[in-house]
Amino acid sequence: MSTILETELSYSSTVTRALVHRAAVCEVFLTDSIRLAEDEYLIAAQLPRVHSYYNDQVTTPAVYDPLLLVEVFRQASIYTAHTFLDAAVDEKFIFNGGEMIVTDVTALHIGARPGHAQIHARQAALKHRDGVVTGSTLDMVLTVDGREAATMRTTCQWMPGRAWNRMREKGRAALALGTARPHHTGHRVAPITVGRISPQNVVLSETEVREYEVLTQVIVDQENPALFDHPLDHIPGALIFEGFRQSAVHAAFELFGLSPRGLLLTRVETDFTRFGEFELPTDCLVRVVESPTADSVAFEITMSQEEQIARARVHLTLTSPIAGALLNRFGYATAGV
């Protein structure tokens, strides 16, 4: 990035909340933007050093949460649609999927002041309906204090509220959900087993360990202020991402004896296929796709409510020095802390 562009971007205040679909100012991370070309943008974001959700991690050494980067990328996708593609502020958005890759873990180390991030975004594709742009695929590169840290491709589309309501009513009627019912809850697992400190940020309850796979149940707690910043009629993508991450960390712990303290999400590829409903039990089936190596492990995860609502491939990287070796139930020699 050029010095000129860096000085033109401001970090003094956040963008308007409505442009990133947030109710609380503290949940808005974008601060400014510049249009570089017809299909190219530069967006500024400030990464908080302290946050009740994103900094509630046991990972050592402490780094900016990769899911904070996912949220920044999500906000950038919505912001560019409203600011540069003329999407109305009251339109409803659907995220079809995306892939986030941490390219340099050391660039995520938390310093003495909030991180200054820049997102270089390019339009890879646009979706049109009746001559109007209704969707976008963005390729984004995020830097923190001048160092590349992560990339993400996102695909989303948007529609007027009336069309959204018709779509949601039809989908809920097909599931016999026309009348709201109490949503499913359960007892949370121990925070340390999913890499958390606060029980409030644990989204898993009952788990079942099988041969080479783990079944987890996702808790949908609408009282969590970070995951539910404002009222929604479906399970938000942020909770789905967290369910994937915690399921992977828990599986790594149960199957391979890997300590959550030494695991960091460094790659996640997702596809969202259906809306997640509050009233239905939500499960994740975690399967091993890459057994632990010296520095990583990978899982294929399916999230279901009777039928699949989302899938992901999650890569976890070992970040801490090896403090010992454990022998997991399948005989693999793995690192444990």
C-alpha atoms as a PDB file:
ATOM      1  CA  MET A   1       0.000   0.000   0.000  1.00  0.00           C
ATOM      2  CA  SER A   2       1.258   3.484  -0.788  1.00  0.00           C
ATOM      3  CA  THR A   3       1.897   6.052   1.927  1.00  0.00           C
ATOM      4  CA  ILE A   4      -0.578   8.384   0.241  1.00  0.00           C
ATOM      5  CA  LEU A   5      -3.414   5.886   0.489  1.00  0.00           C
ATOM      6  CA  GLU A   6      -2.600   5.100   4.110  1.00  0.00           C
ATOM      7  CA  THR A   7      -2.728   8.774   5.098  1.00  0.00           C
ATOM      8  CA  GLU A   8      -6.001   9.307   3.233  1.00  0.00           C
ATOM      9  CA  LEU A   9      -7.762   6.605   5.230  1.00  0.00           C
ATOM     10  CA  SER A  10      -9.022   7.714   8.637  1.00  0.00           C
ATOM     11  CA  TYR A  11      -9.312   5.667  11.831  1.00  0.00           C
ATOM     12  CA  SER A  12     -10.813   8.458  13.947  1.00  0.00           C
ATOM     13  CA  SER A  13     -14.425   7.201  13.951  1.00  0.00           C
ATOM     14  CA  THR A  14     -16.516   4.302  12.719  1.00  0.00           C
ATOM     15  CA  VAL A  15     -18.700   4.271   9.640  1.00  0.00           C
ATOM     16  CA  THR A  16     -22.468   4.531  10.052  1.00  0.00           C
ATOM     17  CA  ARG A  17     -23.827   1.471  11.876  1.00  0.00           C
ATOM     18  CA  ALA A  18     -26.572   0.864   9.339  1.00  0.00           C
ATOM     19  CA  LEU A  19     -24.013   0.399   6.551  1.00  0.00           C
ATOM     20  CA  VAL A  20     -22.601  -2.721   8.267  1.00  0.00           C
ATOM     21  CA  HIS A  21     -25.884  -3.934   9.811  1.00  0.00           C
ATOM     22  CA  ARG A  22     -24.908  -3.392  13.430  1.00  0.00           C
ATOM     23  CA  ALA A  23     -26.853  -1.865  16.337  1.00  0.00           C
ATOM     24  CA  ALA A  24     -23.992  -1.255  18.789  1.00  0.00           C
ATOM     25  CA  VAL A  25     -21.202   1.161  17.925  1.00  0.00           C
ATOM     26  CA  CYS A  26     -18.696  -1.127  19.675  1.00  0.00           C
ATOM     27  CA  GLU A  27     -19.519  -3.863  17.131  1.00  0.00           C
ATOM     28  CA  VAL A  28     -18.650  -1.621  14.150  1.00  0.00           C
ATOM     29  CA  PHE A  29     -15.022  -2.082  13.079  1.00  0.00           C
ATOM     30  CA  LEU A  30     -14.869  -0.221   9.744  1.00  0.00           C
ATOM     31  CA  THR A  31     -13.750   3.413   9.819  1.00  0.00           C
ATOM     32  CA  ASP A  32     -13.267   4.686   6.256  1.00  0.00           C
ATOM     33  CA  SER A  33     -12.999   3.740   2.577  1.00  0.00           C
ATOM     34  CA  ILE A  34     -11.649   4.869  -0.790  1.00  0.00           C
ATOM     35  CA  ARG A  35     -12.776   3.778  -4.239  1.00  0.00           C
ATOM     36  CA  LEU A  36      -9.617   2.968  -6.190  1.00  0.00           C
ATOM     37  CA  ALA A  37     -11.326   1.919  -9.431  1.00  0.00           C
ATOM     38  CA  GLU A  38     -14.744   0.872 -10.711  1.00  0.00           C
ATOM     39  CA  ASP A  39     -14.346  -2.573  -9.136  1.00  0.00           C
ATOM     40  CA  GLU A  40     -11.664  -1.958  -6.511  1.00  0.00           C
ATOM     41  CA  TYR A  41     -11.865  -0.472  -3.006  1.00  0.00           C
ATOM     42  CA  LEU A  42      -9.656   0.172   0.018  1.00  0.00           C
ATOM     43  CA  ILE A  43     -11.375  -0.021   3.400  1.00  0.00           C
ATOM     44  CA  ALA A  44     -10.019   0.839   6.848  1.00  0.00           C
ATOM     45  CA  ALA A  45     -10.857  -1.002  10.069  1.00  0.00           C
ATOM     46  CA  GLN A  46      -9.704  -0.781  13.655  1.00  0.00           C
ATOM     47  CA  LEU A  47      -9.139  -4.082  15.488  1.00  0.00           C
ATOM     48  CA  PRO A  48      -9.926  -3.891  19.229  1.00  0.00           C
ATOM     49  CA  ARG A  49      -7.326  -5.058  21.743  1.00  0.00           C
ATOM     50  CA  VAL A  50     -10.106  -5.870  24.222  1.00  0.00           C
ATOM     51  CA  HIS A  51     -13.498  -7.347  23.322  1.00  0.00           C
ATOM     52  CA  SER A  52     -15.816  -9.534  25.422  1.00  0.00           C
ATOM     53  CA  TYR A  53     -16.175 -12.052  22.607  1.00  0.00           C
ATOM     54  CA  TYR A  54     -13.223 -11.819  20.226  1.00  0.00           C
ATOM     55  CA  ASN A  55     -10.605 -11.591  22.999  1.00  0.00           C
ATOM     56  CA  ASP A  56     -12.127 -14.381  25.087  1.00  0.00           C
ATOM     57  CA  GLN A  57      -9.529 -16.919  23.951  1.00  0.00           C
ATOM     58  CA  VAL A  58      -7.056 -19.246  25.688  1.00  0.00           C
ATOM     59  CA  THR A  59      -4.749 -19.424  22.661  1.00  0.00           C
ATOM     60  CA  THR A  60      -1.132 -18.550  23.364  1.00  0.00           C
ATOM     61  CA  PRO A  61       0.447 -16.309  22.327  1.00  0.00           C
ATOM     62  CA  ALA A  62      -2.481 -13.866  22.192  1.00  0.00           C
ATOM     63  CA  VAL A  63      -3.467 -12.809  18.672  1.00  0.00           C
ATOM     64  CA  TYR A  64      -6.391 -11.094  16.996  1.00  0.00           C
ATOM     65  CA  ASP A  65      -9.150 -13.670  16.634  1.00  0.00           C
ATOM     66  CA  PRO A  66      -9.384 -14.975  13.036  1.00  0.00           C
ATOM     67  CA  LEU A  67     -13.176 -14.814  13.403  1.00  0.00           C
ATOM     68  CA  LEU A  68     -12.785 -11.092  14.122  1.00  0.00           C
ATOM     69  CA  LEU A  69     -11.201 -10.903  10.674  1.00  0.00           C
ATOM     70  CA  VAL A  70     -14.169 -12.835   9.248  1.00  0.00           C
ATOM     71  CA  GLU A  71     -16.488 -10.249  10.812  1.00  0.00           C
ATOM     72  CA  VAL A  72     -14.404  -7.405   9.355  1.00  0.00           C
ATOM     73  CA  PHE A  73     -14.593  -9.064   5.932  1.00  0.00           C
ATOM     74  CA  ARG A  74     -18.370  -9.498   6.361  1.00  0.00           C
ATOM     75  CA  GLN A  75     -18.779  -5.835   7.250  1.00  0.00           C
ATOM     76  CA  ALA A  76     -16.640  -4.857   4.257  1.00  0.00           C
ATOM     77  CA  SER A  77     -18.869  -6.911   1.937  1.00  0.00           C
ATOM     78  CA  ILE A  78     -22.031  -5.232   3.199  1.00  0.00           C
ATOM     79  CA  TYR A  79     -20.476  -1.771   3.316  1.00  0.00           C
ATOM     80  CA  THR A  80     -19.241  -1.908  -0.283  1.00  0.00           C
ATOM     81  CA  ALA A  81     -22.671  -3.066  -1.465  1.00  0.00           C
ATOM     82  CA  HIS A  82     -24.384  -0.106   0.202  1.00  0.00           C
ATOM     83  CA  THR A  83     -21.687   2.481  -0.532  1.00  0.00           C
ATOM     84  CA  PHE A  84     -20.515   1.561  -4.029  1.00  0.00           C
ATOM     85  CA  LEU A  85     -23.181  -0.740  -5.550  1.00  0.00           C
ATOM     86  CA  ASP A  86     -26.318   1.222  -4.582  1.00  0.00           C
ATOM     87  CA  ALA A  87     -27.855  -1.480  -2.378  1.00  0.00           C
ATOM     88  CA  ALA A  88     -30.579   0.183  -0.306  1.00  0.00           C
ATOM     89  CA  VAL A  89     -29.872   0.419   3.424  1.00  0.00           C
ATOM     90  CA  ASP A  90     -33.051  -1.513   4.280  1.00  0.00           C
ATOM     91  CA  GLU A  91     -32.332  -4.448   1.955  1.00  0.00           C
ATOM     92  CA  LYS A  92     -31.765  -7.911   3.421  1.00  0.00           C
ATOM     93  CA  PHE A  93     -28.527  -9.819   2.782  1.00  0.00           C
ATOM     94  CA  ILE A  94     -27.818 -13.521   2.296  1.00  0.00           C
ATOM     95  CA  PHE A  95     -24.281 -14.887   2.507  1.00  0.00           C
ATOM     96  CA  ASN A  96     -23.792 -17.922   0.295  1.00  0.00           C
ATOM     97  CA  GLY A  97     -20.331 -18.823   1.551  1.00  0.00           C
ATOM     98  CA  GLY A  98     -16.684 -17.897   1.588  1.00  0.00           C
ATOM     99  CA  GLU A  99     -13.129 -18.923   2.337  1.00  0.00           C
ATOM    100  CA  MET A 100     -10.883 -17.174   4.855  1.00  0.00           C
ATOM    101  CA  ILE A 101      -7.155 -17.938   5.049  1.00  0.00           C
ATOM    102  CA  VAL A 102      -4.725 -16.557   7.626  1.00  0.00           C
ATOM    103  CA  THR A 103      -1.588 -15.932   5.582  1.00  0.00           C
ATOM    104  CA  ASP A 104       0.679 -14.742   8.411  1.00  0.00           C
ATOM    105  CA  VAL A 105      -0.107 -15.568  12.039  1.00  0.00           C
ATOM    106  CA  THR A 106       2.633 -13.265  13.315  1.00  0.00           C
ATOM    107  CA  ALA A 107       0.851 -10.296  11.718  1.00  0.00           C
ATOM    108  CA  LEU A 108      -2.051 -10.941  14.121  1.00  0.00           C
ATOM    109  CA  HIS A 109      -0.052 -10.469  17.319  1.00  0.00           C
ATOM    110  CA  ILE A 110      -1.759  -7.885  19.518  1.00  0.00           C
ATOM    111  CA  GLY A 111       0.416  -4.852  20.132  1.00  0.00           C
ATOM    112  CA  ALA A 112       0.371  -1.828  22.431  1.00  0.00           C
ATOM    113  CA  ARG A 113      -2.501  -0.123  20.581  1.00  0.00           C
ATOM    114  CA  PRO A 114      -5.499  -1.194  18.479  1.00  0.00           C
ATOM    115  CA  GLY A 115      -4.530  -2.656  15.127  1.00  0.00           C
ATOM    116  CA  HIS A 116      -4.994  -0.551  12.007  1.00  0.00           C
ATOM    117  CA  ALA A 117      -6.307  -2.862   9.309  1.00  0.00           C
ATOM    118  CA  GLN A 118      -6.823  -2.210   5.619  1.00  0.00           C
ATOM    119  CA  ILE A 119      -8.923  -4.367   3.325  1.00  0.00           C
ATOM    120  CA  HIS A 120      -8.056  -4.265  -0.363  1.00  0.00           C
ATOM    121  CA  ALA A 121     -11.225  -5.492  -2.097  1.00  0.00           C
ATOM    122  CA  ARG A 122     -11.814  -6.379  -5.750  1.00  0.00           C
ATOM    123  CA  GLN A 123     -15.109  -7.318  -7.374  1.00  0.00           C
ATOM    124  CA  ALA A 124     -14.711 -10.827  -8.803  1.00  0.00           C
ATOM    125  CA  ALA A 125     -18.330 -11.071 -10.009  1.00  0.00           C
ATOM    126  CA  LEU A 126     -21.650  -9.252  -9.866  1.00  0.00           C
ATOM    127  CA  LYS A 127     -25.165 -10.684  -9.921  1.00  0.00           C
ATOM    128  CA  HIS A 128     -27.865  -8.739 -11.775  1.00  0.00           C
ATOM    129  CA  ARG A 129     -31.648  -8.942 -11.868  1.00  0.00           C
ATOM    130  CA  ASP A 130     -33.645  -6.767 -14.251  1.00  0.00           C
ATOM    131  CA  GLY A 131     -30.554  -4.664 -14.852  1.00  0.00           C
ATOM    132  CA  VAL A 132     -29.962  -4.008 -11.145  1.00  0.00           C
ATOM    133  CA  VAL A 133     -27.019  -5.334  -9.130  1.00  0.00           C
ATOM    134  CA  THR A 134     -28.327  -7.798  -6.525  1.00  0.00           C
ATOM    135  CA  GLY A 135     -25.206  -9.720  -5.543  1.00  0.00           C
ATOM    136  CA  SER A 136     -21.453  -9.566  -5.302  1.00  0.00           C
ATOM    137  CA  THR A 137     -18.389 -11.785  -4.999  1.00  0.00           C
ATOM    138  CA  LEU A 138     -15.431  -9.998  -3.422  1.00  0.00           C
ATOM    139  CA  ASP A 139     -11.787 -11.040  -3.234  1.00  0.00           C
ATOM    140  CA  MET A 140     -10.218  -9.315  -0.232  1.00  0.00           C
ATOM    141  CA  VAL A 141      -6.754  -9.011   1.285  1.00  0.00           C
ATOM    142  CA  LEU A 142      -6.421  -7.708   4.846  1.00  0.00           C
ATOM    143  CA  THR A 143      -3.303  -6.114   6.288  1.00  0.00           C
ATOM    144  CA  VAL A 144      -2.654  -5.228   9.931  1.00  0.00           C
ATOM    145  CA  ASP A 145      -0.316  -2.291  10.500  1.00  0.00           C
ATOM    146  CA  GLY A 146       1.026  -2.717   6.978  1.00  0.00           C
ATOM    147  CA  ARG A 147       1.564  -6.506   7.072  1.00  0.00           C
ATOM    148  CA  GLU A 148      -0.615  -8.925   5.113  1.00  0.00           C
ATOM    149  CA  ALA A 149      -2.507 -11.115   7.586  1.00  0.00           C
ATOM    150  CA  ALA A 150      -5.430 -12.797   5.810  1.00  0.00           C
ATOM    151  CA  THR A 151      -7.459 -13.171   2.629  1.00  0.00           C
ATOM    152  CA  MET A 152     -11.114 -13.954   2.080  1.00  0.00           C
ATOM    153  CA  ARG A 153     -13.531 -14.442  -0.788  1.00  0.00           C
ATOM    154  CA  THR A 154     -17.185 -13.758   0.050  1.00  0.00           C
ATOM    155  CA  THR A 155     -20.333 -14.185  -2.018  1.00  0.00           C
ATOM    156  CA  CYS A 156     -23.539 -12.465  -0.965  1.00  0.00           C
ATOM    157  CA  GLN A 157     -26.810 -11.260  -2.437  1.00  0.00           C
ATOM    158  CA  TRP A 158     -29.504  -8.862  -1.293  1.00  0.00           C
ATOM    159  CA  MET A 159     -33.203  -8.239  -1.747  1.00  0.00           C
ATOM    160  CA  PRO A 160     -36.026  -5.946  -0.568  1.00  0.00           C
ATOM    161  CA  GLY A 161     -37.634  -6.734   2.779  1.00  0.00           C
ATOM    162  CA  ARG A 162     -40.894  -7.788   1.141  1.00  0.00           C
ATOM    163  CA  ALA A 163     -39.159 -10.455  -0.948  1.00  0.00           C
ATOM    164  CA  TRP A 164     -37.213 -11.600   2.111  1.00  0.00           C
ATOM    165  CA  ASN A 165     -40.395 -12.012   4.159  1.00  0.00           C
ATOM    166  CA  ARG A 166     -42.051 -14.088   1.435  1.00  0.00           C
ATOM    167  CA  MET A 167     -38.986 -16.321   1.164  1.00  0.00           C
ATOM    168  CA  ARG A 168     -38.726 -16.815   4.923  1.00  0.00           C
ATOM    169  CA  GLU A 169     -42.439 -17.510   5.374  1.00  0.00           C
ATOM    170  CA  LYS A 170     -42.338 -20.128   2.632  1.00  0.00           C
ATOM    171  CA  GLY A 171     -39.255 -21.803   4.082  1.00  0.00           C
ATOM    172  CA  ARG A 172     -40.617 -21.897   7.626  1.00  0.00           C
ATOM    173  CA  ALA A 173     -43.989 -23.202   6.467  1.00  0.00           C
ATOM    174  CA  ALA A 174     -42.240 -26.121   4.737  1.00  0.00           C
ATOM    175  CA  LEU A 175     -40.710 -27.006   8.126  1.00  0.00           C
ATOM    176  CA  ALA A 176     -44.027 -26.528   9.963  1.00  0.00           C
ATOM    177  CA  LEU A 177     -42.547 -23.530  11.767  1.00  0.00           C
ATOM    178  CA  GLY A 178     -45.291 -21.024  11.011  1.00  0.00           C
ATOM    179  CA  THR A 179     -45.901 -20.630  14.745  1.00  0.00           C
ATOM    180  CA  ALA A 180     -42.833 -19.878  16.820  1.00  0.00           C
ATOM    181  CA  ARG A 181     -41.773 -22.522  19.359  1.00  0.00           C
ATOM    182  CA  PRO A 182     -39.139 -22.299  22.127  1.00  0.00           C
ATOM    183  CA  HIS A 183     -35.660 -22.816  20.738  1.00  0.00           C
ATOM    184  CA  HIS A 184     -33.526 -25.734  21.865  1.00  0.00           C
ATOM    185  CA  THR A 185     -30.974 -25.200  24.627  1.00  0.00           C
ATOM    186  CA  GLY A 186     -28.535 -27.430  26.521  1.00  0.00           C
ATOM    187  CA  HIS A 187     -25.770 -27.428  29.133  1.00  0.00           C
ATOM    188  CA  ARG A 188     -22.533 -25.922  27.894  1.00  0.00           C
ATOM    189  CA  VAL A 189     -19.325 -27.937  27.720  1.00  0.00           C
ATOM    190  CA  ALA A 190     -16.356 -26.760  29.785  1.00  0.00           C
ATOM    191  CA  PRO A 191     -15.011 -23.534  28.198  1.00  0.00           C
ATOM    192  CA  ILE A 192     -11.396 -24.747  28.109  1.00  0.00           C
ATOM    193  CA  THR A 193     -12.331 -27.693  25.854  1.00  0.00           C
ATOM    194  CA  VAL A 194     -13.401 -25.278  23.098  1.00  0.00           C
ATOM    195  CA  GLY A 195     -10.727 -22.641  23.649  1.00  0.00           C
ATOM    196  CA  ARG A 196     -12.863 -20.189  25.632  1.00  0.00           C
ATOM    197  CA  ILE A 197     -12.633 -18.541  29.056  1.00  0.00           C
ATOM    198  CA  SER A 198     -16.201 -17.298  29.573  1.00  0.00           C
ATOM    199  CA  PRO A 199     -19.070 -19.845  29.626  1.00  0.00           C
ATOM    200  CA  GLN A 200     -21.241 -17.223  27.895  1.00  0.00           C
ATOM    201  CA  ASN A 201     -19.161 -17.597  24.734  1.00  0.00           C
ATOM    202  CA  VAL A 202     -19.409 -21.404  24.630  1.00  0.00           C
ATOM    203  CA  VAL A 203     -21.810 -22.536  21.887  1.00  0.00           C
ATOM    204  CA  LEU A 204     -21.578 -26.333  22.322  1.00  0.00           C
ATOM    205  CA  SER A 205     -23.524 -28.568  24.685  1.00  0.00           C
ATOM    206  CA  GLU A 206     -23.755 -32.352  24.484  1.00  0.00           C
ATOM    207  CA  THR A 207     -21.006 -34.058  22.488  1.00  0.00           C
ATOM    208  CA  GLU A 208     -20.490 -37.662  21.391  1.00  0.00           C
ATOM    209  CA  VAL A 209     -17.085 -39.064  20.466  1.00  0.00           C
ATOM    210  CA  ARG A 210     -17.099 -41.741  17.782  1.00  0.00           C
ATOM    211  CA  GLU A 211     -14.385 -43.468  15.776  1.00  0.00           C
ATOM    212  CA  TYR A 212     -12.634 -40.759  13.738  1.00  0.00           C
ATOM    213  CA  GLU A 213     -15.530 -38.321  14.259  1.00  0.00           C
ATOM    214  CA  VAL A 214     -17.299 -36.240  16.896  1.00  0.00           C
ATOM    215  CA  LEU A 215     -20.959 -35.155  17.077  1.00  0.00           C
ATOM    216  CA  THR A 216     -21.625 -31.842  18.796  1.00  0.00           C
ATOM    217  CA  GLN A 217     -24.801 -29.948  19.607  1.00  0.00           C
ATOM    218  CA  VAL A 218     -24.857 -26.185  19.047  1.00  0.00           C
ATOM    219  CA  ILE A 219     -26.416 -23.830  21.600  1.00  0.00           C
ATOM    220  CA  VAL A 220     -28.277 -20.861  20.137  1.00  0.00           C
ATOM    221  CA  ASP A 221     -28.137 -18.250  22.902  1.00  0.00           C
ATOM    222  CA  GLN A 222     -29.844 -15.085  21.720  1.00  0.00           C
ATOM    223  CA  GLU A 223     -28.650 -13.279  24.859  1.00  0.00           C
ATOM    224  CA  ASN A 224     -25.054 -13.218  23.595  1.00  0.00           C
ATOM    225  CA  PRO A 225     -24.554  -9.525  22.672  1.00  0.00           C
ATOM    226  CA  ALA A 226     -21.792 -10.150  20.131  1.00  0.00           C
ATOM    227  CA  LEU A 227     -23.447 -13.008  18.231  1.00  0.00           C
ATOM    228  CA  PHE A 228     -26.875 -11.333  18.446  1.00  0.00           C
ATOM    229  CA  ASP A 229     -26.144  -7.631  18.136  1.00  0.00           C
ATOM    230  CA  HIS A 230     -29.730  -7.067  16.949  1.00  0.00           C
ATOM    231  CA  PRO A 231     -32.917  -9.176  16.556  1.00  0.00           C
ATOM    232  CA  LEU A 232     -32.831 -11.764  13.758  1.00  0.00           C
ATOM    233  CA  ASP A 233     -35.248 -14.337  12.361  1.00  0.00           C
ATOM    234  CA  HIS A 234     -32.551 -16.986  11.794  1.00  0.00           C
ATOM    235  CA  ILE A 235     -29.266 -18.287  13.188  1.00  0.00           C
ATOM    236  CA  PRO A 236     -26.595 -15.741  12.164  1.00  0.00           C
ATOM    237  CA  GLY A 237     -23.480 -16.604  10.214  1.00  0.00           C
ATOM    238  CA  ALA A 238     -21.281 -15.511  13.139  1.00  0.00           C
ATOM    239  CA  LEU A 239     -22.763 -18.270  15.308  1.00  0.00           C
ATOM    240  CA  ILE A 240     -22.362 -20.816  12.516  1.00  0.00           C
ATOM    241  CA  PHE A 241     -18.673 -19.914  12.139  1.00  0.00           C
ATOM    242  CA  GLU A 242     -18.192 -20.163  15.907  1.00  0.00           C
ATOM    243  CA  GLY A 243     -20.002 -23.505  15.978  1.00  0.00           C
ATOM    244  CA  PHE A 244     -17.634 -24.790  13.301  1.00  0.00           C
ATOM    245  CA  ARG A 245     -14.557 -23.509  15.125  1.00  0.00           C
ATOM    246  CA  GLN A 246     -15.522 -24.825  18.553  1.00  0.00           C
ATOM    247  CA  SER A 247     -16.544 -28.195  17.093  1.00  0.00           C
ATOM    248  CA  ALA A 248     -13.138 -28.498  15.409  1.00  0.00           C
ATOM    249  CA  VAL A 249     -11.216 -27.481  18.545  1.00  0.00           C
ATOM    250  CA  HIS A 250     -13.254 -29.888  20.682  1.00  0.00           C
ATOM    251  CA  ALA A 251     -12.687 -32.718  18.189  1.00  0.00           C
ATOM    252  CA  ALA A 252      -8.942 -32.035  18.150  1.00  0.00           C
ATOM    253  CA  PHE A 253      -8.956 -32.252  21.935  1.00  0.00           C
ATOM    254  CA  GLU A 254     -11.101 -35.412  22.140  1.00  0.00           C
ATOM    255  CA  LEU A 255      -9.607 -37.360  19.233  1.00  0.00           C
ATOM    256  CA  PHE A 256      -5.964 -36.342  19.346  1.00  0.00           C
ATOM    257  CA  GLY A 257      -5.323 -34.900  22.789  1.00  0.00           C
ATOM    258  CA  LEU A 258      -4.412 -31.490  21.357  1.00  0.00           C
ATOM    259  CA  SER A 259      -4.672 -28.640  23.844  1.00  0.00           C
ATOM    260  CA  PRO A 260      -7.025 -25.805  22.815  1.00  0.00           C
ATOM    261  CA  ARG A 261      -4.384 -23.400  24.168  1.00  0.00           C
ATOM    262  CA  GLY A 262      -2.135 -24.253  21.247  1.00  0.00           C
ATOM    263  CA  LEU A 263      -4.713 -24.284  18.433  1.00  0.00           C
ATOM    264  CA  LEU A 264      -5.583 -21.409  16.106  1.00  0.00           C
ATOM    265  CA  LEU A 265      -8.102 -21.356  13.278  1.00  0.00           C
ATOM    266  CA  THR A 266      -6.077 -20.493  10.173  1.00  0.00           C
ATOM    267  CA  ARG A 267      -8.372 -21.542   7.337  1.00  0.00           C
ATOM    268  CA  VAL A 268     -12.108 -22.039   6.979  1.00  0.00           C
ATOM    269  CA  GLU A 269     -14.067 -22.726   3.809  1.00  0.00           C
ATOM    270  CA  THR A 270     -17.855 -22.534   4.171  1.00  0.00           C
ATOM    271  CA  ASP A 271     -21.036 -23.083   2.182  1.00  0.00           C
ATOM    272  CA  PHE A 272     -24.405 -21.989   3.570  1.00  0.00           C
ATOM    273  CA  THR A 273     -27.216 -24.074   2.075  1.00  0.00           C
ATOM    274  CA  ARG A 274     -30.298 -23.351   4.237  1.00  0.00           C
ATOM    275  CA  PHE A 275     -31.410 -20.967   6.943  1.00  0.00           C
ATOM    276  CA  GLY A 276     -30.811 -22.132  10.505  1.00  0.00           C
ATOM    277  CA  GLU A 277     -34.022 -21.914  12.547  1.00  0.00           C
ATOM    278  CA  PHE A 278     -34.168 -21.102  16.254  1.00  0.00           C
ATOM    279  CA  GLU A 279     -36.726 -23.796  17.047  1.00  0.00           C
ATOM    280  CA  LEU A 280     -34.799 -26.821  15.770  1.00  0.00           C
ATOM    281  CA  PRO A 281     -31.879 -28.702  17.387  1.00  0.00           C
ATOM    282  CA  THR A 282     -28.608 -27.893  15.636  1.00  0.00           C
ATOM    283  CA  ASP A 283     -25.862 -30.519  15.358  1.00  0.00           C
ATOM    284  CA  CYS A 284     -22.352 -30.601  13.913  1.00  0.00           C
ATOM    285  CA  LEU A 285     -20.789 -33.811  12.628  1.00  0.00           C
ATOM    286  CA  VAL A 286     -16.999 -33.453  12.643  1.00  0.00           C
ATOM    287  CA  ARG A 287     -14.878 -35.811  10.537  1.00  0.00           C
ATOM    288  CA  VAL A 288     -11.095 -35.926  10.332  1.00  0.00           C
ATOM    289  CA  VAL A 289      -9.794 -35.146   6.834  1.00  0.00           C
ATOM    290  CA  GLU A 290      -6.151 -34.512   7.728  1.00  0.00           C
ATOM    291  CA  SER A 291      -4.658 -36.248  10.765  1.00  0.00           C
ATOM    292  CA  PRO A 292      -2.352 -34.131  12.927  1.00  0.00           C
ATOM    293  CA  THR A 293       1.031 -33.243  11.515  1.00  0.00           C
ATOM    294  CA  ALA A 294       3.751 -31.287  13.268  1.00  0.00           C
ATOM    295  CA  ASP A 295       1.779 -28.074  12.885  1.00  0.00           C
ATOM    296  CA  SER A 296      -1.850 -28.614  11.789  1.00  0.00           C
ATOM    297  CA  VAL A 297      -5.018 -30.720  11.712  1.00  0.00           C
ATOM    298  CA  ALA A 298      -8.106 -30.399   9.468  1.00  0.00           C
ATOM    299  CA  PHE A 299     -11.763 -31.396   9.739  1.00  0.00           C
ATOM    300  CA  GLU A 300     -14.814 -31.573   7.489  1.00  0.00           C
ATOM    301  CA  ILE A 301     -17.872 -30.370   9.410  1.00  0.00           C
ATOM    302  CA  THR A 302     -21.560 -30.575   8.521  1.00  0.00           C
ATOM    303  CA  MET A 303     -24.091 -28.490  10.472  1.00  0.00           C
ATOM    304  CA  SER A 304     -27.608 -29.884  10.324  1.00  0.00           C
ATOM    305  CA  GLN A 305     -31.157 -29.289  11.494  1.00  0.00           C
ATOM    306  CA  GLU A 306     -32.749 -32.493  10.192  1.00  0.00           C
ATOM    307  CA  GLU A 307     -31.097 -31.527   6.893  1.00  0.00           C
ATOM    308  CA  GLN A 308     -27.767 -29.813   6.209  1.00  0.00           C
ATOM    309  CA  ILE A 309     -27.791 -26.047   6.701  1.00  0.00           C
ATOM    310  CA  ALA A 310     -24.047 -25.429   6.256  1.00  0.00           C
ATOM    311  CA  ARG A 311     -20.745 -27.206   5.733  1.00  0.00           C
ATOM    312  CA  ALA A 312     -17.143 -26.249   6.339  1.00  0.00           C
ATOM    313  CA  ARG A 313     -13.578 -27.417   6.081  1.00  0.00           C
ATOM    314  CA  VAL A 314     -11.644 -26.138   9.066  1.00  0.00           C
ATOM    315  CA  HIS A 315      -7.858 -26.054   9.456  1.00  0.00           C
ATOM    316  CA  LEU A 316      -6.321 -25.572  12.907  1.00  0.00           C
ATOM    317  CA  THR A 317      -2.661 -24.668  13.325  1.00  0.00           C
ATOM    318  CA  LEU A 318      -0.552 -25.518  16.377  1.00  0.00           C
ATOM    319  CA  THR A 319       0.828 -22.261  17.737  1.00  0.00           C
ATOM    320  CA  SER A 320       2.497 -23.224  21.017  1.00  0.00           C
ATOM    321  CA  PRO A 321       5.777 -25.034  21.639  1.00  0.00           C
ATOM    322  CA  ILE A 322       5.366 -28.753  22.198  1.00  0.00           C
ATOM    323  CA  ALA A 323       5.209 -29.469  25.933  1.00  0.00           C
ATOM    324  CA  GLY A 324       4.781 -33.220  25.611  1.00  0.00           C
ATOM    325  CA  ALA A 325       3.343 -35.995  23.465  1.00  0.00           C
ATOM    326  CA  LEU A 326       0.063 -37.794  23.981  1.00  0.00           C
ATOM    327  CA  LEU A 327      -1.066 -40.989  22.375  1.00  0.00           C
ATOM    328  CA  ASN A 328      -4.648 -40.600  21.187  1.00  0.00           C
ATOM    329  CA  ARG A 329      -7.182 -43.356  21.104  1.00  0.00           C
ATOM    330  CA  PHE A 330      -6.245 -44.291  17.514  1.00  0.00           C
ATOM    331  CA  GLY A 331      -2.534 -44.623  18.173  1.00  0.00           C
ATOM    332  CA  TYR A 332      -1.339 -41.391  16.536  1.00  0.00           C
ATOM    333  CA  ALA A 333       1.520 -39.676  18.343  1.00  0.00           C
ATOM    334  CA  THR A 334       0.254 -36.139  18.886  1.00  0.00           C
ATOM    335  CA  ALA A 335       1.328 -33.070  20.769  1.00  0.00           C
ATOM    336  CA  GLY A 336      -0.377 -32.039  23.956  1.00  0.00           C
ATOM    337  CA  VAL A 337       0.029 -29.224  26.425  1.00  0.00           C
END
